Protein backbone atom coordinates (compact mmCIF):
# COMPACT_ATOMS: atom_id res chain seq x y z
CA MET A 1 49.82 -44.58 -13.10
CA LYS A 2 53.37 -42.78 -13.13
CA GLY A 3 54.50 -43.62 -16.90
CA ASP A 4 50.97 -44.27 -18.20
CA LYS A 5 50.66 -41.96 -21.22
CA ASP A 6 46.80 -42.86 -22.08
CA LEU A 7 44.16 -40.26 -22.43
CA ASP A 8 40.32 -41.31 -23.43
CA ILE A 9 38.49 -38.06 -24.12
CA PHE A 10 34.56 -38.30 -24.51
CA ILE A 11 32.08 -35.65 -26.56
CA PHE A 12 29.37 -35.48 -25.14
CA PHE A 13 26.08 -35.01 -27.80
CA SER A 14 22.63 -33.86 -26.47
CA LEU A 15 19.90 -37.25 -26.61
CA ASP A 16 18.55 -35.27 -29.41
CA VAL A 17 21.34 -35.84 -31.69
CA SER A 18 20.85 -38.38 -33.89
CA LYS A 19 23.09 -41.61 -34.18
CA GLU A 20 24.27 -40.76 -37.95
CA ALA A 21 25.10 -37.39 -36.51
CA LEU A 22 26.88 -38.22 -33.71
CA LYS A 23 29.27 -40.98 -35.39
CA LYS A 24 30.17 -38.13 -38.25
CA ARG A 25 30.73 -35.14 -36.12
CA GLY A 26 32.45 -36.97 -33.52
CA LEU A 27 34.87 -38.21 -36.66
CA GLU A 28 35.45 -34.54 -37.98
CA ILE A 29 35.83 -33.48 -34.39
CA GLY A 30 38.58 -35.74 -33.26
CA LYS A 31 40.59 -36.10 -36.74
CA ASN A 32 40.44 -32.12 -36.18
CA VAL A 33 42.47 -32.17 -32.87
CA PHE A 34 45.09 -34.81 -34.20
CA GLU A 35 45.70 -32.42 -36.85
CA GLU A 36 46.21 -29.32 -34.63
CA PHE A 37 48.54 -31.03 -32.49
CA LYS A 38 50.07 -32.70 -35.61
CA GLY A 39 49.09 -36.34 -34.58
CA LYS A 40 48.88 -39.54 -36.30
CA TYR A 41 45.58 -41.27 -36.10
CA GLU A 42 43.39 -44.10 -37.51
CA ILE A 43 39.58 -44.95 -37.30
CA LYS A 44 38.85 -47.61 -34.71
CA TYR A 45 35.58 -48.99 -34.39
CA ALA A 46 33.44 -50.18 -30.81
CA GLU A 47 29.90 -49.84 -30.80
CA HIS A 48 30.36 -46.93 -33.71
CA PRO A 49 33.89 -45.58 -34.70
CA TYR A 50 36.33 -43.36 -32.92
CA VAL A 51 39.85 -41.99 -33.69
CA ASN A 52 42.72 -43.15 -32.01
CA GLY A 53 46.51 -42.28 -32.42
CA LYS A 54 49.44 -40.47 -31.00
CA ILE A 55 50.14 -36.89 -29.61
CA GLU A 56 53.60 -36.10 -28.23
CA ASN A 57 54.11 -39.70 -27.69
CA HIS A 58 50.81 -39.91 -25.21
CA ASP A 59 47.97 -42.59 -26.90
CA VAL A 60 44.80 -40.95 -27.61
CA ASP A 61 40.90 -42.18 -27.89
CA ILE A 62 38.29 -39.46 -28.48
CA VAL A 63 35.26 -41.12 -28.57
CA PRO A 64 31.77 -39.91 -29.19
CA CYS A 65 29.03 -40.53 -26.23
CA TYR A 66 25.26 -39.64 -25.25
CA ALA A 67 25.54 -37.05 -22.39
CA ILE A 68 22.90 -39.17 -20.05
CA GLU A 69 22.26 -39.00 -16.40
CA LYS A 70 21.16 -42.41 -15.65
CA ILE A 71 21.34 -45.72 -17.22
CA GLU A 72 17.85 -46.37 -18.81
CA ASP A 73 18.47 -43.32 -21.14
CA MET A 74 21.66 -45.27 -22.73
CA LYS A 75 21.94 -45.73 -26.66
CA SER A 76 25.02 -47.61 -26.57
CA SER A 77 27.76 -49.26 -24.32
CA VAL A 78 30.15 -45.93 -24.33
CA ASP A 79 27.69 -43.75 -22.77
CA ARG A 80 28.04 -45.59 -19.42
CA THR A 81 31.92 -44.97 -19.03
CA PRO A 82 31.31 -40.77 -17.70
CA LEU A 83 29.01 -42.54 -15.79
CA HIS A 84 31.58 -44.91 -14.24
CA THR A 85 34.17 -42.30 -13.83
CA LYS A 86 31.46 -40.38 -12.24
CA ILE A 87 30.54 -42.64 -8.91
CA ILE A 88 34.28 -43.99 -8.93
CA LEU A 89 35.22 -39.88 -8.40
CA GLU A 90 32.14 -39.98 -5.79
CA LYS A 91 32.87 -42.62 -3.87
CA MET A 92 36.41 -43.30 -3.66
CA THR A 93 38.72 -41.95 -1.24
CA ASP A 94 42.84 -40.67 -1.66
CA PHE A 95 43.62 -43.50 0.01
CA GLN A 96 41.79 -46.25 -2.23
CA LYS A 97 42.95 -43.87 -5.18
CA ASP A 98 46.19 -45.18 -4.43
CA ASP A 99 45.35 -48.73 -3.41
CA THR A 100 43.70 -49.01 -6.87
CA ARG A 101 47.13 -47.62 -8.44
CA ILE A 102 49.24 -50.27 -6.59
CA LEU A 103 46.60 -53.56 -7.57
CA LYS A 104 46.81 -52.02 -11.41
CA LYS A 105 50.70 -52.20 -10.90
CA PHE A 106 50.29 -55.44 -9.51
CA MET A 107 47.94 -56.90 -12.33
CA LYS A 108 50.56 -55.49 -14.74
CA LEU A 109 53.13 -57.47 -13.49
CA ILE A 110 51.34 -60.78 -13.34
CA ASN A 111 50.25 -59.97 -16.71
CA VAL A 112 46.41 -60.03 -16.12
CA TYR A 113 45.79 -56.12 -16.31
CA GLY A 114 43.72 -55.23 -19.91
CA SER A 115 39.82 -55.98 -20.75
CA GLU A 116 41.10 -55.68 -24.43
CA PHE A 117 40.59 -59.19 -26.30
CA LYS A 118 44.33 -59.61 -26.56
CA VAL A 119 44.59 -59.94 -22.92
CA THR A 120 40.77 -61.23 -21.59
CA GLY A 121 42.02 -59.55 -18.00
CA PHE A 122 40.60 -56.92 -15.75
CA SER A 123 40.14 -53.61 -16.81
CA GLY A 124 41.01 -50.69 -14.77
CA TYR A 125 37.19 -49.75 -13.93
CA LEU A 126 37.26 -53.45 -12.55
CA CYS A 127 40.42 -52.32 -10.51
CA GLU A 128 38.71 -49.64 -9.17
CA LEU A 129 35.34 -51.58 -7.88
CA LEU A 130 37.47 -54.42 -6.31
CA ILE A 131 39.15 -51.59 -4.19
CA LEU A 132 35.90 -49.75 -3.49
CA TYR A 133 34.04 -53.07 -2.06
CA TYR A 134 37.13 -54.52 -0.32
CA GLU A 135 38.47 -51.00 0.31
CA SER A 136 42.06 -51.66 0.28
CA PHE A 137 44.76 -53.74 -1.99
CA GLU A 138 45.64 -55.93 0.69
CA ARG A 139 42.06 -56.99 1.18
CA ALA A 140 41.92 -57.28 -2.11
CA LEU A 141 44.24 -59.83 -2.59
CA GLU A 142 42.89 -61.46 0.79
CA ASN A 143 39.90 -62.20 -0.44
CA ALA A 144 40.73 -63.32 -3.99
CA SER A 145 42.83 -65.76 -2.63
CA GLU A 146 39.37 -67.21 -1.42
CA TRP A 147 37.67 -66.84 -4.62
CA LYS A 148 35.65 -69.48 -5.87
CA GLN A 149 34.14 -70.50 -9.62
CA ASN A 150 31.17 -68.07 -10.71
CA GLN A 151 32.67 -65.32 -7.74
CA LYS A 152 29.83 -62.68 -7.07
CA ILE A 153 30.44 -59.17 -6.40
CA ILE A 154 27.32 -57.27 -5.54
CA PHE A 155 27.22 -53.40 -4.67
CA GLU A 156 23.33 -52.98 -4.66
CA LYS A 157 21.38 -55.49 -6.62
CA VAL A 158 21.11 -57.71 -9.45
CA GLU A 159 18.85 -57.66 -12.49
CA LYS A 160 20.32 -60.47 -14.36
CA GLU A 161 22.05 -63.83 -13.94
CA PHE A 162 25.42 -64.75 -15.46
CA SER A 163 27.61 -67.56 -15.84
CA ASP A 164 31.20 -66.22 -15.65
CA PRO A 165 34.37 -67.06 -14.25
CA LEU A 166 33.94 -63.80 -12.05
CA ILE A 167 30.73 -62.01 -11.78
CA ILE A 168 30.73 -57.85 -10.84
CA ILE A 169 27.88 -56.82 -10.72
CA ASP A 170 28.18 -53.18 -12.22
CA PRO A 171 26.70 -50.62 -9.67
CA VAL A 172 26.00 -47.77 -12.50
CA ASP A 173 24.50 -51.05 -14.69
CA PRO A 174 22.86 -53.38 -12.63
CA ALA A 175 21.96 -56.08 -16.08
CA ARG A 176 25.87 -56.19 -16.84
CA ASN A 177 28.49 -58.12 -15.78
CA ALA A 178 31.55 -55.90 -15.57
CA ALA A 179 33.69 -58.78 -15.19
CA SER A 180 32.53 -60.46 -18.12
CA CYS A 181 35.83 -59.35 -20.53
CA VAL A 182 37.27 -61.69 -17.53
CA SER A 183 38.73 -65.10 -18.85
CA LEU A 184 39.16 -68.17 -16.82
CA GLN A 185 42.57 -68.34 -17.08
CA LYS A 186 43.21 -64.58 -15.96
CA PHE A 187 40.59 -65.40 -13.40
CA SER A 188 42.97 -68.29 -12.40
CA GLU A 189 46.16 -66.59 -12.61
CA PHE A 190 44.94 -63.54 -10.29
CA ILE A 191 43.53 -65.97 -7.31
CA TYR A 192 47.24 -67.92 -7.44
CA TYR A 193 49.45 -64.93 -7.68
CA SER A 194 47.47 -63.22 -4.90
CA ARG A 195 48.01 -66.33 -2.53
CA GLU A 196 52.11 -66.00 -3.91
CA PHE A 197 51.98 -62.27 -3.11
CA PHE A 198 51.26 -63.25 0.90
CA LYS A 199 54.14 -65.43 1.11
CA ASN A 200 56.56 -62.60 1.08
CA LYS A 201 54.41 -59.05 0.01
CA LYS A 202 57.11 -58.34 -2.65
CA PHE A 203 56.54 -59.10 -6.64
CA GLU A 204 58.13 -58.79 -9.68
CA LYS A 205 56.86 -58.88 -13.60
CA ILE A 206 56.41 -62.67 -15.09
CA LYS A 207 57.88 -63.12 -18.10
CA THR A 208 55.62 -64.07 -20.77
CA GLU A 209 58.33 -65.81 -22.96
CA TYR A 210 58.13 -69.33 -23.95
CA LYS A 211 60.11 -71.82 -23.10
CA LYS A 212 59.44 -75.56 -25.22
CA SER A 213 59.68 -78.23 -22.69
CA GLU A 214 62.18 -80.88 -22.96
CA GLY A 215 61.00 -84.10 -25.57
CA THR A 216 58.21 -82.24 -27.32
CA GLU A 217 57.48 -81.17 -30.57
CA LEU A 218 56.75 -77.38 -31.31
CA ILE A 219 54.39 -76.17 -34.19
CA VAL A 220 53.73 -72.43 -34.89
CA LEU A 221 51.93 -70.85 -37.22
CA ASN A 222 52.41 -67.10 -38.44
CA PHE A 223 49.72 -65.34 -39.85
CA LYS A 224 50.78 -62.33 -42.25
CA THR A 225 48.04 -59.66 -41.44
CA ASP A 226 47.66 -56.45 -40.11
CA ILE A 227 43.59 -56.56 -38.73
CA MET A 228 43.65 -54.74 -35.55
CA GLU A 229 43.88 -56.48 -32.25
CA ASP A 230 40.39 -56.67 -30.85
CA LEU A 231 39.41 -58.22 -34.54
CA LEU A 232 42.30 -60.52 -35.01
CA PHE A 233 42.51 -62.35 -30.98
CA PRO A 234 39.21 -63.94 -31.15
CA GLN A 235 39.90 -65.32 -34.28
CA LEU A 236 43.06 -66.81 -33.77
CA ARG A 237 41.56 -68.40 -30.53
CA LYS A 238 38.35 -69.16 -32.97
CA THR A 239 41.32 -70.96 -35.26
CA ARG A 240 43.56 -72.65 -32.26
CA ASP A 241 40.61 -74.07 -31.00
CA PHE A 242 39.17 -75.81 -34.24
CA ILE A 243 42.95 -76.65 -35.02
CA LYS A 244 43.35 -78.57 -31.75
CA SER A 245 40.15 -80.17 -32.08
CA HIS A 246 40.97 -81.47 -35.23
CA LEU A 247 44.43 -82.97 -33.95
CA GLU A 248 42.81 -84.59 -31.18
CA LYS A 249 40.61 -86.29 -33.48
CA ASN A 250 43.34 -87.56 -35.54
CA GLY A 251 45.14 -89.24 -32.33
CA PHE A 252 47.33 -86.23 -31.67
CA ARG A 253 47.73 -85.13 -28.03
CA ILE A 254 48.29 -81.47 -27.40
CA TYR A 255 50.62 -80.73 -24.55
CA LYS A 256 49.79 -77.06 -24.76
CA SER A 257 48.97 -74.34 -27.30
CA LYS A 258 48.73 -70.97 -26.74
CA ILE A 259 47.86 -67.59 -29.15
CA PHE A 260 50.33 -64.58 -29.94
CA SER A 261 50.40 -61.64 -31.67
CA SER A 262 50.38 -62.96 -35.09
CA GLY A 263 49.76 -66.46 -34.53
CA ILE A 264 49.21 -69.59 -32.69
CA LEU A 265 51.52 -72.27 -31.22
CA PHE A 266 50.75 -76.33 -30.40
CA GLU A 267 53.72 -77.82 -28.41
CA PHE A 268 52.78 -81.45 -28.91
CA GLU A 269 53.54 -84.58 -26.47
CA VAL A 270 52.60 -86.76 -29.62
CA PHE A 271 53.91 -85.43 -33.01
CA ASN A 272 54.61 -88.87 -35.16
CA LEU A 273 51.84 -91.81 -35.46
CA PRO A 274 51.93 -95.32 -36.68
CA LYS A 275 51.25 -95.64 -40.57
CA MET A 276 48.35 -98.01 -39.74
CA LYS A 277 45.61 -97.09 -37.16
CA ILE A 278 42.89 -99.64 -35.15
CA HIS A 279 39.46 -99.13 -37.24
CA GLU A 280 36.49 -100.20 -34.70
CA GLY A 281 33.84 -101.80 -36.62
CA PRO A 282 30.32 -103.64 -35.08
CA PHE A 283 29.52 -104.93 -31.88
CA ILE A 284 30.26 -108.87 -32.23
CA TYR A 285 26.37 -109.49 -31.64
CA ASP A 286 25.56 -107.92 -34.69
CA ARG A 287 25.68 -110.39 -36.90
CA GLU A 288 24.60 -108.77 -39.86
CA ASN A 289 26.52 -105.89 -39.62
CA CYS A 290 30.03 -107.89 -38.95
CA GLU A 291 29.21 -110.08 -42.13
CA THR A 292 29.37 -106.65 -44.37
CA PHE A 293 32.23 -105.18 -42.32
CA ILE A 294 34.18 -108.54 -43.11
CA LYS A 295 33.35 -108.29 -46.85
CA LYS A 296 34.68 -104.97 -46.72
CA HIS A 297 37.88 -105.24 -45.17
CA LYS A 298 40.13 -108.30 -46.01
CA THR A 299 41.71 -108.96 -42.63
CA VAL A 300 39.94 -108.41 -39.19
CA VAL A 301 40.68 -108.85 -35.64
CA ILE A 302 38.37 -108.93 -32.48
CA ILE A 303 39.22 -106.61 -29.83
CA GLY A 304 37.07 -107.30 -26.68
CA ASP A 305 33.20 -107.54 -27.85
CA ARG A 306 33.97 -105.87 -31.20
CA ILE A 307 35.26 -106.53 -34.97
CA CYS A 308 37.78 -104.33 -35.90
CA THR A 309 40.94 -103.76 -38.85
CA GLU A 310 43.58 -101.93 -39.84
CA ILE A 311 43.55 -99.00 -41.69
CA GLU A 312 46.23 -96.30 -42.93
CA ARG A 313 46.06 -93.28 -41.30
CA LYS A 314 45.19 -90.02 -43.45
CA PHE A 315 48.04 -87.90 -41.11
CA LYS A 316 51.19 -89.32 -39.90
CA THR A 317 52.62 -86.24 -38.17
CA ALA A 318 50.69 -83.20 -36.70
CA GLN A 319 52.65 -81.34 -39.24
CA ASN A 320 50.93 -82.96 -41.68
CA CYS A 321 47.86 -82.49 -40.21
CA ILE A 322 47.99 -78.69 -39.64
CA GLU A 323 49.40 -78.39 -43.18
CA PHE A 324 46.27 -79.82 -44.33
CA LEU A 325 43.97 -77.51 -42.50
CA ILE A 326 45.85 -74.84 -43.63
CA GLU A 327 45.30 -75.23 -47.42
CA ASP A 328 41.22 -76.07 -46.21
CA ARG A 329 41.20 -73.11 -43.70
CA GLU A 330 37.52 -74.27 -42.87
CA GLY A 331 37.13 -73.39 -39.41
CA PHE A 332 39.71 -70.22 -39.33
CA GLY A 333 38.64 -67.28 -38.13
CA LYS A 334 37.05 -65.42 -41.64
CA ASP A 335 40.07 -62.69 -41.79
CA LEU A 336 42.51 -65.98 -41.27
CA LYS A 337 41.03 -67.68 -44.21
CA LYS A 338 42.34 -65.47 -46.76
CA VAL A 339 45.95 -64.29 -45.31
CA GLN A 340 49.26 -66.25 -45.99
CA CYS A 341 49.99 -68.50 -43.23
CA PHE A 342 53.30 -70.35 -42.60
CA ILE A 343 54.77 -72.67 -40.19
CA SER A 344 57.94 -72.69 -38.42
CA LYS A 345 59.31 -74.29 -34.96
CA GLU A 346 60.22 -70.91 -33.16
CA GLU A 347 59.65 -70.15 -30.05
CA ILE A 348 57.74 -67.03 -29.30
CA LYS A 349 58.85 -64.42 -27.24
CA GLU A 350 55.59 -62.96 -25.58
CA VAL A 351 52.16 -65.67 -25.49
CA TYR A 352 48.85 -64.99 -24.19
CA ASP A 353 46.51 -67.85 -22.68
């Protein structure tokens, strides 16, 4: 696409090369290339390490893989990518290549483009498959407007059942759902904006800046960490889900929750709670346990068919609860358990999920 400066360079190794030799030699070649062109680089990790960096404002990945002719010879998922490229080049017309670029541009505008963990959206390969299957950009959006949960797109055969929101069987590997990276959120957003497109066939970039609703309370958790995004974002989601569950168990009602590049945002419908709360005891028919409950608590009240009492809450505000969880860190992502975390109430410019 115009303006994109990404290069993915694959180094092919024969199948008789060991995995250890592939990793070692692949990194050596990658480092040498960056040093030759005076680029900055770092080692990143997928199923095996590769070299990523900048050369003259281009974002470059140099990735070692095995040269395979058929999927049965695959030793790691990286080996599929050249087969993906081959099938697209063989089957896609020049018209469809242009429509693929349009689809990618549309997805970028609506913030659903990118299979990385930060976005959990549509990969470039998925865009190509959608154009191949539906034949054009507009037909892809017309069909997406009618998609249902567990939508299936099958090119030739399927060797495995899937339960993801979107299921696109990889024509290169029929045992793989090429759309497993697409979250329910991004799947739903693509359906919605596909419908919106046909109202005037124009579209502007959707803003990702977060604005608090009137009357709610905002709490933002900021983590000071430099771990790579593909490790960070799954941990942010895990931590967000754990905190959300704990808050709801303690009576706080969350209006929205989002993750961003270094933290988690919670917006609350119910932020403050009374000092005391009703604590339910046994059913009134359970005489023995009712007597035990009465001995334990000074005052009791009958609500419906249960005997209850009033107890003091552990947390009166959502912030008290979050501060306790930050101190404890149980249920946080493994790296987020160790790094500095502080609370703010600032609105965030770019959020995900």
